[in-house]
Amino acid sequence: MNPVNFTRLICTVSLFVTSFSLTAADSVLAPGAKAEKISSDFNFTEGPATDKAGNVYFTDQPNDRIVKWTTDGKFTDWMKPAGRSNGIYFDKDGNLLTCADEKNELWSISPDKKVTVLVKDYEGKLLNGPNDLCIRPDGNLYFTDPLYARDYWKRTKAMQQPGQYVYFLDRKNGVLKAVEKELKQPNGIALSADGKVLYVADIGANKTYTYNVAANGDLSGKKLFCEKGSDGMTLDSEGNVYLTGRGVTVFNSKGENIEQIPIPEPWTGNVVFGGKDGKTLFITASKTIYTVSMRVTGASKRAGGK
């Protein structure tokens, strides 16, 4: 081989190896990791939320239960019945806040499983069906209220509110207000670690938006984050955003698609970081649960729970 050509070949190979190494290093997954199915004993999994120890709680809504997965890999029913809970989230005091869809309420479940109804209506009318929520560092929260008609409802299956809104609840005074009324069907919702940016997925329009968060709960500066909706979502320690639906799609803070985690199920509902070191991505996907080892951890410190 001509020495010049040989040198060019070596440079090309070196560049390829360097490029591959950088790509591998930049991946959010741990080296060689892939999603692994750990259970398929459910009807439709949703939620989920992580406690201080890294255990993950999630909902199996058709079976009306909240299930606990421990860091040693065991599953147990934590609460049944559970108000047909959907999205759940721990507050700093260890209470599990749930979107209790049976009566379209928002619940707080104490560690000893006593239920307090936080929200039962808005302006004298039932909610459509609280779906997903997130809690700010100050304890106040946002939740989405799309309409998904349920067979178990005793109410009419029609829309209860004028639209499908995003709500803010001030926990101190109990005041509830609609802060986003222009989305088609809001679903997944999450906050940045500092609580200053709210992410909301409009699954009906297949888009996700960001908002600036004010102390009183108001939202401003609405921006299109990406052309993809989501059932649930979470953020990692590097500010990347994880959206669900067909597998798990990861976007960086600029809204650029940086990774796809394939899940061989018809639908991926939600996702959260858990495990003892916070580096296990826990994925609720239809009737199944998957986990995958990660290089990164979740965006914020675990709020509470036992």
C-alpha atoms as a PDB file:
ATOM      1  CA  MET A   1       0.000   0.000   0.000  1.00  0.00           C
ATOM      2  CA  ASN A   2       1.170   3.493  -0.804  1.00  0.00           C
ATOM      3  CA  PRO A   3       2.534   5.069   2.443  1.00  0.00           C
ATOM      4  CA  VAL A   4       0.375   8.157   1.905  1.00  0.00           C
ATOM      5  CA  ASN A   5      -2.738   6.043   1.504  1.00  0.00           C
ATOM      6  CA  PHE A   6      -1.774   3.961   4.545  1.00  0.00           C
ATOM      7  CA  THR A   7      -1.403   7.112   6.613  1.00  0.00           C
ATOM      8  CA  ARG A   8      -4.793   8.309   5.430  1.00  0.00           C
ATOM      9  CA  LEU A   9      -6.311   4.947   6.365  1.00  0.00           C
ATOM     10  CA  ILE A  10      -4.829   5.106   9.877  1.00  0.00           C
ATOM     11  CA  CYS A  11      -6.156   8.646  10.335  1.00  0.00           C
ATOM     12  CA  THR A  12      -9.609   7.602   9.130  1.00  0.00           C
ATOM     13  CA  VAL A  13      -9.716   4.611  11.499  1.00  0.00           C
ATOM     14  CA  SER A  14      -8.449   6.749  14.371  1.00  0.00           C
ATOM     15  CA  LEU A  15     -11.115   9.373  13.675  1.00  0.00           C
ATOM     16  CA  PHE A  16     -13.817   6.684  13.551  1.00  0.00           C
ATOM     17  CA  VAL A  17     -12.681   5.144  16.847  1.00  0.00           C
ATOM     18  CA  THR A  18     -12.537   8.573  18.500  1.00  0.00           C
ATOM     19  CA  SER A  19     -15.995   9.438  17.190  1.00  0.00           C
ATOM     20  CA  PHE A  20     -17.394   6.113  18.429  1.00  0.00           C
ATOM     21  CA  SER A  21     -15.812   6.593  21.861  1.00  0.00           C
ATOM     22  CA  LEU A  22     -17.265  10.081  22.211  1.00  0.00           C
ATOM     23  CA  THR A  23     -20.684   8.817  21.190  1.00  0.00           C
ATOM     24  CA  ALA A  24     -20.528   5.983  23.728  1.00  0.00           C
ATOM     25  CA  ALA A  25     -19.357   8.344  26.447  1.00  0.00           C
ATOM     26  CA  ASP A  26     -22.153  10.788  25.715  1.00  0.00           C
ATOM     27  CA  SER A  27     -24.864   8.127  25.929  1.00  0.00           C
ATOM     28  CA  VAL A  28     -27.211   8.419  28.893  1.00  0.00           C
ATOM     29  CA  LEU A  29     -27.140   4.634  29.236  1.00  0.00           C
ATOM     30  CA  ALA A  30     -24.472   2.749  31.154  1.00  0.00           C
ATOM     31  CA  PRO A  31     -21.950   1.058  28.834  1.00  0.00           C
ATOM     32  CA  GLY A  32     -23.556  -1.951  27.139  1.00  0.00           C
ATOM     33  CA  ALA A  33     -26.882  -1.464  28.931  1.00  0.00           C
ATOM     34  CA  LYS A  34     -30.244  -2.224  27.364  1.00  0.00           C
ATOM     35  CA  ALA A  35     -33.796  -2.381  28.667  1.00  0.00           C
ATOM     36  CA  GLU A  36     -34.677  -5.614  30.500  1.00  0.00           C
ATOM     37  CA  LYS A  37     -38.177  -6.864  31.261  1.00  0.00           C
ATOM     38  CA  ILE A  38     -38.545  -7.613  34.980  1.00  0.00           C
ATOM     39  CA  SER A  39     -42.280  -8.369  35.194  1.00  0.00           C
ATOM     40  CA  SER A  40     -45.421  -8.708  33.077  1.00  0.00           C
ATOM     41  CA  ASP A  41     -47.956  -9.393  35.845  1.00  0.00           C
ATOM     42  CA  PHE A  42     -50.073  -6.288  35.336  1.00  0.00           C
ATOM     43  CA  ASN A  43     -52.919  -4.962  33.244  1.00  0.00           C
ATOM     44  CA  PHE A  44     -51.773  -1.403  32.490  1.00  0.00           C
ATOM     45  CA  THR A  45     -48.897   0.168  34.408  1.00  0.00           C
ATOM     46  CA  GLU A  46     -48.577   3.899  35.057  1.00  0.00           C
ATOM     47  CA  GLY A  47     -47.249   6.320  37.660  1.00  0.00           C
ATOM     48  CA  PRO A  48     -44.401   5.928  38.779  1.00  0.00           C
ATOM     49  CA  ALA A  49     -42.638   7.622  41.751  1.00  0.00           C
ATOM     50  CA  THR A  50     -39.462   6.984  43.746  1.00  0.00           C
ATOM     51  CA  ASP A  51     -39.023   7.154  47.520  1.00  0.00           C
ATOM     52  CA  LYS A  52     -35.921   8.148  49.496  1.00  0.00           C
ATOM     53  CA  ALA A  53     -34.527   4.629  49.466  1.00  0.00           C
ATOM     54  CA  GLY A  54     -34.863   4.255  45.711  1.00  0.00           C
ATOM     55  CA  ASN A  55     -37.919   1.985  45.821  1.00  0.00           C
ATOM     56  CA  VAL A  56     -40.420   2.685  43.045  1.00  0.00           C
ATOM     57  CA  TYR A  57     -44.196   2.875  43.446  1.00  0.00           C
ATOM     58  CA  PHE A  58     -46.407   2.634  40.366  1.00  0.00           C
ATOM     59  CA  THR A  59     -50.051   2.167  39.497  1.00  0.00           C
ATOM     60  CA  ASP A  60     -51.859  -0.710  37.835  1.00  0.00           C
ATOM     61  CA  GLN A  61     -54.973   1.314  37.141  1.00  0.00           C
ATOM     62  CA  PRO A  62     -57.354  -1.338  35.718  1.00  0.00           C
ATOM     63  CA  ASN A  63     -56.659  -3.477  38.809  1.00  0.00           C
ATOM     64  CA  ASP A  64     -57.081  -0.420  41.088  1.00  0.00           C
ATOM     65  CA  ARG A  65     -53.807  -0.824  42.965  1.00  0.00           C
ATOM     66  CA  ILE A  66     -50.537   0.890  43.753  1.00  0.00           C
ATOM     67  CA  VAL A  67     -47.609  -1.521  43.565  1.00  0.00           C
ATOM     68  CA  LYS A  68     -44.230  -1.172  45.256  1.00  0.00           C
ATOM     69  CA  TRP A  69     -40.988  -2.386  43.668  1.00  0.00           C
ATOM     70  CA  THR A  70     -38.115  -2.606  46.115  1.00  0.00           C
ATOM     71  CA  THR A  71     -34.461  -2.124  45.255  1.00  0.00           C
ATOM     72  CA  ASP A  72     -33.901  -5.863  45.771  1.00  0.00           C
ATOM     73  CA  GLY A  73     -36.336  -6.577  42.928  1.00  0.00           C
ATOM     74  CA  LYS A  74     -39.488  -7.590  44.813  1.00  0.00           C
ATOM     75  CA  PHE A  75     -43.064  -6.535  43.937  1.00  0.00           C
ATOM     76  CA  THR A  76     -45.834  -6.121  46.511  1.00  0.00           C
ATOM     77  CA  ASP A  77     -49.255  -4.478  46.510  1.00  0.00           C
ATOM     78  CA  TRP A  78     -48.840  -1.306  48.569  1.00  0.00           C
ATOM     79  CA  MET A  79     -52.462  -0.158  48.409  1.00  0.00           C
ATOM     80  CA  LYS A  80     -55.603  -1.746  46.990  1.00  0.00           C
ATOM     81  CA  PRO A  81     -58.102  -0.296  46.198  1.00  0.00           C
ATOM     82  CA  ALA A  82     -56.355   2.942  45.377  1.00  0.00           C
ATOM     83  CA  GLY A  83     -58.964   5.271  43.881  1.00  0.00           C
ATOM     84  CA  ARG A  84     -57.983   4.160  40.376  1.00  0.00           C
ATOM     85  CA  SER A  85     -54.826   6.207  40.779  1.00  0.00           C
ATOM     86  CA  ASN A  86     -52.861   7.159  37.684  1.00  0.00           C
ATOM     87  CA  GLY A  87     -49.903   9.543  38.027  1.00  0.00           C
ATOM     88  CA  ILE A  88     -48.272   9.682  41.485  1.00  0.00           C
ATOM     89  CA  TYR A  89     -45.541  11.746  43.177  1.00  0.00           C
ATOM     90  CA  PHE A  90     -43.961  11.863  46.657  1.00  0.00           C
ATOM     91  CA  ASP A  91     -43.900  15.139  48.555  1.00  0.00           C
ATOM     92  CA  LYS A  92     -41.098  16.081  50.966  1.00  0.00           C
ATOM     93  CA  ASP A  93     -43.032  14.695  53.952  1.00  0.00           C
ATOM     94  CA  GLY A  94     -43.353  11.221  52.475  1.00  0.00           C
ATOM     95  CA  ASN A  95     -46.985  11.533  51.426  1.00  0.00           C
ATOM     96  CA  LEU A  96     -47.823   9.968  48.092  1.00  0.00           C
ATOM     97  CA  LEU A  97     -49.887  12.380  46.012  1.00  0.00           C
ATOM     98  CA  THR A  98     -52.030  10.645  43.416  1.00  0.00           C
ATOM     99  CA  CYS A  99     -54.290  11.492  40.507  1.00  0.00           C
ATOM    100  CA  ALA A 100     -57.243   9.472  41.817  1.00  0.00           C
ATOM    101  CA  ASP A 101     -59.211   8.982  38.640  1.00  0.00           C
ATOM    102  CA  GLU A 102     -62.146   7.013  40.081  1.00  0.00           C
ATOM    103  CA  LYS A 103     -63.865  10.209  41.268  1.00  0.00           C
ATOM    104  CA  ASN A 104     -61.594  12.637  39.384  1.00  0.00           C
ATOM    105  CA  GLU A 105     -59.851  13.806  42.535  1.00  0.00           C
ATOM    106  CA  LEU A 106     -56.357  14.592  43.720  1.00  0.00           C
ATOM    107  CA  TRP A 107     -55.314  12.639  46.831  1.00  0.00           C
ATOM    108  CA  SER A 108     -52.582  12.743  49.431  1.00  0.00           C
ATOM    109  CA  ILE A 109     -51.883   9.311  50.937  1.00  0.00           C
ATOM    110  CA  SER A 110     -49.882   9.404  54.175  1.00  0.00           C
ATOM    111  CA  PRO A 111     -47.177   6.823  54.954  1.00  0.00           C
ATOM    112  CA  ASP A 112     -49.729   4.971  57.113  1.00  0.00           C
ATOM    113  CA  LYS A 113     -52.131   5.031  54.109  1.00  0.00           C
ATOM    114  CA  LYS A 114     -54.648   7.580  55.339  1.00  0.00           C
ATOM    115  CA  VAL A 115     -56.264   9.391  52.405  1.00  0.00           C
ATOM    116  CA  THR A 116     -56.827  13.146  52.294  1.00  0.00           C
ATOM    117  CA  VAL A 117     -58.692  14.594  49.302  1.00  0.00           C
ATOM    118  CA  LEU A 118     -56.788  17.684  48.144  1.00  0.00           C
ATOM    119  CA  VAL A 119     -58.954  18.509  45.124  1.00  0.00           C
ATOM    120  CA  LYS A 120     -62.451  17.274  44.300  1.00  0.00           C
ATOM    121  CA  ASP A 121     -63.639  19.887  41.794  1.00  0.00           C
ATOM    122  CA  TYR A 122     -62.861  23.195  40.111  1.00  0.00           C
ATOM    123  CA  GLU A 123     -65.306  26.107  40.212  1.00  0.00           C
ATOM    124  CA  GLY A 124     -68.054  23.752  41.356  1.00  0.00           C
ATOM    125  CA  LYS A 125     -67.592  21.196  38.579  1.00  0.00           C
ATOM    126  CA  LEU A 126     -65.793  17.851  38.538  1.00  0.00           C
ATOM    127  CA  LEU A 127     -62.428  17.651  36.854  1.00  0.00           C
ATOM    128  CA  ASN A 128     -62.142  15.738  33.583  1.00  0.00           C
ATOM    129  CA  GLY A 129     -59.737  13.215  35.086  1.00  0.00           C
ATOM    130  CA  PRO A 130     -56.433  14.214  36.767  1.00  0.00           C
ATOM    131  CA  ASN A 131     -53.679  12.324  34.964  1.00  0.00           C
ATOM    132  CA  ASP A 132     -50.134  13.330  35.883  1.00  0.00           C
ATOM    133  CA  LEU A 133     -48.523  15.703  38.388  1.00  0.00           C
ATOM    134  CA  CYS A 134     -45.257  17.182  39.601  1.00  0.00           C
ATOM    135  CA  ILE A 135     -44.318  19.003  42.807  1.00  0.00           C
ATOM    136  CA  ARG A 136     -42.236  22.164  43.089  1.00  0.00           C
ATOM    137  CA  PRO A 137     -39.438  22.527  45.657  1.00  0.00           C
ATOM    138  CA  ASP A 138     -41.793  24.689  47.762  1.00  0.00           C
ATOM    139  CA  GLY A 139     -44.393  21.890  47.912  1.00  0.00           C
ATOM    140  CA  ASN A 140     -46.921  23.432  45.538  1.00  0.00           C
ATOM    141  CA  LEU A 141     -47.834  21.409  42.477  1.00  0.00           C
ATOM    142  CA  TYR A 142     -49.017  21.253  38.888  1.00  0.00           C
ATOM    143  CA  PHE A 143     -51.210  18.582  37.322  1.00  0.00           C
ATOM    144  CA  THR A 144     -52.787  17.827  33.956  1.00  0.00           C
ATOM    145  CA  ASP A 145     -56.481  17.132  33.458  1.00  0.00           C
ATOM    146  CA  PRO A 146     -57.188  15.519  30.076  1.00  0.00           C
ATOM    147  CA  LEU A 147     -60.342  13.574  29.270  1.00  0.00           C
ATOM    148  CA  TYR A 148     -60.016   9.796  28.923  1.00  0.00           C
ATOM    149  CA  ALA A 149     -63.486   8.328  29.465  1.00  0.00           C
ATOM    150  CA  ARG A 150     -63.469   5.364  31.885  1.00  0.00           C
ATOM    151  CA  ASP A 151     -65.911   2.480  32.057  1.00  0.00           C
ATOM    152  CA  TYR A 152     -65.870   2.594  35.868  1.00  0.00           C
ATOM    153  CA  TRP A 153     -67.032   6.224  36.101  1.00  0.00           C
ATOM    154  CA  LYS A 154     -70.438   6.749  37.668  1.00  0.00           C
ATOM    155  CA  ARG A 155     -70.581  10.254  36.177  1.00  0.00           C
ATOM    156  CA  THR A 156     -71.223  11.076  32.552  1.00  0.00           C
ATOM    157  CA  LYS A 157     -68.248  10.409  30.262  1.00  0.00           C
ATOM    158  CA  ALA A 158     -68.524  13.861  28.716  1.00  0.00           C
ATOM    159  CA  MET A 159     -66.113  16.723  29.344  1.00  0.00           C
ATOM    160  CA  GLN A 160     -66.691  18.249  32.787  1.00  0.00           C
ATOM    161  CA  GLN A 161     -64.602  21.405  32.382  1.00  0.00           C
ATOM    162  CA  PRO A 162     -64.695  23.837  29.423  1.00  0.00           C
ATOM    163  CA  GLY A 163     -61.353  22.463  28.263  1.00  0.00           C
ATOM    164  CA  GLN A 164     -58.453  20.159  29.084  1.00  0.00           C
ATOM    165  CA  TYR A 165     -56.278  22.299  31.316  1.00  0.00           C
ATOM    166  CA  VAL A 166     -53.088  22.372  33.363  1.00  0.00           C
ATOM    167  CA  TYR A 167     -53.736  23.330  37.002  1.00  0.00           C
ATOM    168  CA  PHE A 168     -51.679  24.782  39.839  1.00  0.00           C
ATOM    169  CA  LEU A 169     -52.472  23.952  43.469  1.00  0.00           C
ATOM    170  CA  ASP A 170     -51.166  26.113  46.308  1.00  0.00           C
ATOM    171  CA  ARG A 171     -50.841  23.580  49.133  1.00  0.00           C
ATOM    172  CA  LYS A 172     -50.748  26.238  51.876  1.00  0.00           C
ATOM    173  CA  ASN A 173     -54.087  27.867  51.131  1.00  0.00           C
ATOM    174  CA  GLY A 174     -55.713  25.150  49.027  1.00  0.00           C
ATOM    175  CA  VAL A 175     -56.336  27.503  46.100  1.00  0.00           C
ATOM    176  CA  LEU A 176     -56.594  25.781  42.714  1.00  0.00           C
ATOM    177  CA  LYS A 177     -56.326  27.637  39.423  1.00  0.00           C
ATOM    178  CA  ALA A 178     -56.071  26.771  35.741  1.00  0.00           C
ATOM    179  CA  VAL A 179     -52.763  28.111  34.417  1.00  0.00           C
ATOM    180  CA  GLU A 180     -52.759  26.732  30.854  1.00  0.00           C
ATOM    181  CA  LYS A 181     -55.998  26.527  28.867  1.00  0.00           C
ATOM    182  CA  GLU A 182     -54.762  26.434  25.271  1.00  0.00           C
ATOM    183  CA  LEU A 183     -53.514  22.858  24.909  1.00  0.00           C
ATOM    184  CA  LYS A 184     -55.423  20.174  23.042  1.00  0.00           C
ATOM    185  CA  GLN A 185     -54.809  17.311  25.494  1.00  0.00           C
ATOM    186  CA  PRO A 186     -52.122  17.831  28.153  1.00  0.00           C
ATOM    187  CA  ASN A 187     -50.710  14.665  29.658  1.00  0.00           C
ATOM    188  CA  GLY A 188     -47.091  14.206  30.793  1.00  0.00           C
ATOM    189  CA  ILE A 189     -45.681  16.935  33.028  1.00  0.00           C
ATOM    190  CA  ALA A 190     -42.363  17.566  34.796  1.00  0.00           C
ATOM    191  CA  LEU A 191     -40.299  20.307  36.421  1.00  0.00           C
ATOM    192  CA  SER A 192     -36.638  21.206  36.114  1.00  0.00           C
ATOM    193  CA  ALA A 193     -34.608  20.441  39.235  1.00  0.00           C
ATOM    194  CA  ASP A 194     -34.722  24.079  40.391  1.00  0.00           C
ATOM    195  CA  GLY A 195     -38.479  24.277  39.823  1.00  0.00           C
ATOM    196  CA  LYS A 196     -38.152  27.231  37.449  1.00  0.00           C
ATOM    197  CA  VAL A 197     -39.117  25.523  34.178  1.00  0.00           C
ATOM    198  CA  LEU A 198     -42.237  23.451  33.606  1.00  0.00           C
ATOM    199  CA  TYR A 199     -42.436  20.872  30.813  1.00  0.00           C
ATOM    200  CA  VAL A 200     -45.896  19.896  29.546  1.00  0.00           C
ATOM    201  CA  ALA A 201     -46.616  17.348  26.847  1.00  0.00           C
ATOM    202  CA  ASP A 202     -49.648  18.039  24.658  1.00  0.00           C
ATOM    203  CA  ILE A 203     -50.186  14.460  23.578  1.00  0.00           C
ATOM    204  CA  GLY A 204     -53.224  15.451  21.526  1.00  0.00           C
ATOM    205  CA  ALA A 205     -51.141  17.785  19.361  1.00  0.00           C
ATOM    206  CA  ASN A 206     -47.952  15.667  19.543  1.00  0.00           C
ATOM    207  CA  LYS A 207     -45.894  18.524  20.981  1.00  0.00           C
ATOM    208  CA  THR A 208     -44.087  19.335  24.223  1.00  0.00           C
ATOM    209  CA  TYR A 209     -43.734  22.879  25.577  1.00  0.00           C
ATOM    210  CA  THR A 210     -41.705  24.671  28.246  1.00  0.00           C
ATOM    211  CA  TYR A 211     -42.898  27.485  30.512  1.00  0.00           C
ATOM    212  CA  ASN A 212     -41.297  29.842  32.981  1.00  0.00           C
ATOM    213  CA  VAL A 213     -42.710  29.349  36.474  1.00  0.00           C
ATOM    214  CA  ALA A 214     -43.731  32.257  38.711  1.00  0.00           C
ATOM    215  CA  ALA A 215     -43.920  32.061  42.509  1.00  0.00           C
ATOM    216  CA  ASN A 216     -47.724  32.323  42.392  1.00  0.00           C
ATOM    217  CA  GLY A 217     -47.923  29.402  39.944  1.00  0.00           C
ATOM    218  CA  ASP A 218     -48.551  31.425  36.803  1.00  0.00           C
ATOM    219  CA  LEU A 219     -46.809  30.359  33.617  1.00  0.00           C
ATOM    220  CA  SER A 220     -45.144  32.567  31.004  1.00  0.00           C
ATOM    221  CA  GLY A 221     -42.755  32.398  28.065  1.00  0.00           C
ATOM    222  CA  LYS A 222     -44.371  29.371  26.438  1.00  0.00           C
ATOM    223  CA  LYS A 223     -41.961  27.763  23.958  1.00  0.00           C
ATOM    224  CA  LEU A 224     -42.144  24.698  21.756  1.00  0.00           C
ATOM    225  CA  PHE A 225     -39.605  22.246  23.171  1.00  0.00           C
ATOM    226  CA  CYS A 226     -40.013  19.467  20.608  1.00  0.00           C
ATOM    227  CA  GLU A 227     -42.411  18.041  18.041  1.00  0.00           C
ATOM    228  CA  LYS A 228     -43.400  15.081  20.174  1.00  0.00           C
ATOM    229  CA  GLY A 229     -46.093  14.491  22.767  1.00  0.00           C
ATOM    230  CA  SER A 230     -45.757  12.135  25.704  1.00  0.00           C
ATOM    231  CA  ASP A 231     -47.767  10.066  28.149  1.00  0.00           C
ATOM    232  CA  GLY A 232     -45.276  10.622  30.967  1.00  0.00           C
ATOM    233  CA  MET A 233     -41.855  12.176  31.366  1.00  0.00           C
ATOM    234  CA  THR A 234     -38.842  12.690  33.607  1.00  0.00           C
ATOM    235  CA  LEU A 235     -35.558  14.611  33.594  1.00  0.00           C
ATOM    236  CA  ASP A 236     -32.028  13.502  34.407  1.00  0.00           C
ATOM    237  CA  SER A 237     -29.130  15.183  36.219  1.00  0.00           C
ATOM    238  CA  GLU A 238     -27.801  16.658  32.968  1.00  0.00           C
ATOM    239  CA  GLY A 239     -31.095  18.319  32.064  1.00  0.00           C
ATOM    240  CA  ASN A 240     -32.097  15.774  29.454  1.00  0.00           C
ATOM    241  CA  VAL A 241     -35.826  15.113  29.054  1.00  0.00           C
ATOM    242  CA  TYR A 242     -37.284  11.608  28.679  1.00  0.00           C
ATOM    243  CA  LEU A 243     -40.556  11.295  26.752  1.00  0.00           C
ATOM    244  CA  THR A 244     -42.636   8.157  26.374  1.00  0.00           C
ATOM    245  CA  GLY A 245     -45.048   6.546  23.944  1.00  0.00           C
ATOM    246  CA  ARG A 246     -43.122   4.393  21.485  1.00  0.00           C
ATOM    247  CA  GLY A 247     -40.238   3.392  23.692  1.00  0.00           C
ATOM    248  CA  VAL A 248     -38.401   6.189  25.511  1.00  0.00           C
ATOM    249  CA  THR A 249     -37.079   9.145  23.527  1.00  0.00           C
ATOM    250  CA  VAL A 250     -34.412  11.331  25.118  1.00  0.00           C
ATOM    251  CA  PHE A 251     -33.961  15.024  24.278  1.00  0.00           C
ATOM    252  CA  ASN A 252     -31.253  17.360  25.523  1.00  0.00           C
ATOM    253  CA  SER A 253     -32.103  20.704  27.111  1.00  0.00           C
ATOM    254  CA  LYS A 254     -32.190  22.318  23.650  1.00  0.00           C
ATOM    255  CA  GLY A 255     -34.929  19.972  22.473  1.00  0.00           C
ATOM    256  CA  GLU A 256     -32.601  17.898  20.288  1.00  0.00           C
ATOM    257  CA  ASN A 257     -33.215  14.148  20.066  1.00  0.00           C
ATOM    258  CA  ILE A 258     -30.079  12.486  21.451  1.00  0.00           C
ATOM    259  CA  GLU A 259     -31.129   8.912  22.178  1.00  0.00           C
ATOM    260  CA  GLN A 260     -33.860   6.324  21.681  1.00  0.00           C
ATOM    261  CA  ILE A 261     -34.430   3.501  24.162  1.00  0.00           C
ATOM    262  CA  PRO A 262     -36.468   0.814  22.379  1.00  0.00           C
ATOM    263  CA  ILE A 263     -39.130  -1.030  24.389  1.00  0.00           C
ATOM    264  CA  PRO A 264     -40.790  -4.022  22.648  1.00  0.00           C
ATOM    265  CA  GLU A 265     -44.304  -3.220  23.861  1.00  0.00           C
ATOM    266  CA  PRO A 266     -47.295  -1.513  22.204  1.00  0.00           C
ATOM    267  CA  TRP A 267     -47.070   1.498  24.529  1.00  0.00           C
ATOM    268  CA  THR A 268     -44.657   2.985  27.048  1.00  0.00           C
ATOM    269  CA  GLY A 269     -46.657   4.918  29.626  1.00  0.00           C
ATOM    270  CA  ASN A 270     -44.173   6.509  31.995  1.00  0.00           C
ATOM    271  CA  VAL A 271     -40.643   6.541  33.332  1.00  0.00           C
ATOM    272  CA  VAL A 272     -38.698   7.488  36.479  1.00  0.00           C
ATOM    273  CA  PHE A 273     -35.206   7.112  37.963  1.00  0.00           C
ATOM    274  CA  GLY A 274     -34.878   4.794  40.961  1.00  0.00           C
ATOM    275  CA  GLY A 275     -32.696   2.134  42.523  1.00  0.00           C
ATOM    276  CA  LYS A 276     -30.220   2.434  45.396  1.00  0.00           C
ATOM    277  CA  ASP A 277     -27.858   4.702  43.453  1.00  0.00           C
ATOM    278  CA  GLY A 278     -30.585   6.440  41.434  1.00  0.00           C
ATOM    279  CA  LYS A 279     -29.161   5.080  38.189  1.00  0.00           C
ATOM    280  CA  THR A 280     -31.920   2.631  37.301  1.00  0.00           C
ATOM    281  CA  LEU A 281     -34.426   3.868  34.753  1.00  0.00           C
ATOM    282  CA  PHE A 282     -37.769   2.302  35.672  1.00  0.00           C
ATOM    283  CA  ILE A 283     -40.189   2.054  32.744  1.00  0.00           C
ATOM    284  CA  THR A 284     -43.915   1.301  32.884  1.00  0.00           C
ATOM    285  CA  ALA A 285     -44.916  -0.174  29.528  1.00  0.00           C
ATOM    286  CA  SER A 286     -48.465  -1.500  29.114  1.00  0.00           C
ATOM    287  CA  LYS A 287     -48.670  -4.795  31.031  1.00  0.00           C
ATOM    288  CA  THR A 288     -44.946  -4.879  31.737  1.00  0.00           C
ATOM    289  CA  ILE A 289     -42.143  -3.252  33.700  1.00  0.00           C
ATOM    290  CA  TYR A 290     -38.654  -2.683  32.291  1.00  0.00           C
ATOM    291  CA  THR A 291     -35.465  -1.357  33.828  1.00  0.00           C
ATOM    292  CA  VAL A 292     -32.224  -0.169  32.271  1.00  0.00           C
ATOM    293  CA  SER A 293     -28.919   0.785  33.896  1.00  0.00           C
ATOM    294  CA  MET A 294     -27.985   4.407  33.332  1.00  0.00           C
ATOM    295  CA  ARG A 295     -24.857   6.561  33.340  1.00  0.00           C
ATOM    296  CA  VAL A 296     -26.860   9.491  34.712  1.00  0.00           C
ATOM    297  CA  THR A 297     -29.193   9.902  37.691  1.00  0.00           C
ATOM    298  CA  GLY A 298     -32.542  11.645  38.044  1.00  0.00           C
ATOM    299  CA  ALA A 299     -32.767  15.446  37.959  1.00  0.00           C
ATOM    300  CA  SER A 300     -33.539  16.093  41.600  1.00  0.00           C
ATOM    301  CA  LYS A 301     -33.095  14.581  45.026  1.00  0.00           C
ATOM    302  CA  ARG A 302     -35.798  12.152  46.097  1.00  0.00           C
ATOM    303  CA  ALA A 303     -38.603  13.966  47.828  1.00  0.00           C
ATOM    304  CA  GLY A 304     -39.891  11.508  50.390  1.00  0.00           C
ATOM    305  CA  GLY A 305     -41.475   8.168  51.072  1.00  0.00           C
ATOM    306  CA  LYS A 306     -40.471   5.105  53.020  1.00  0.00           C
END
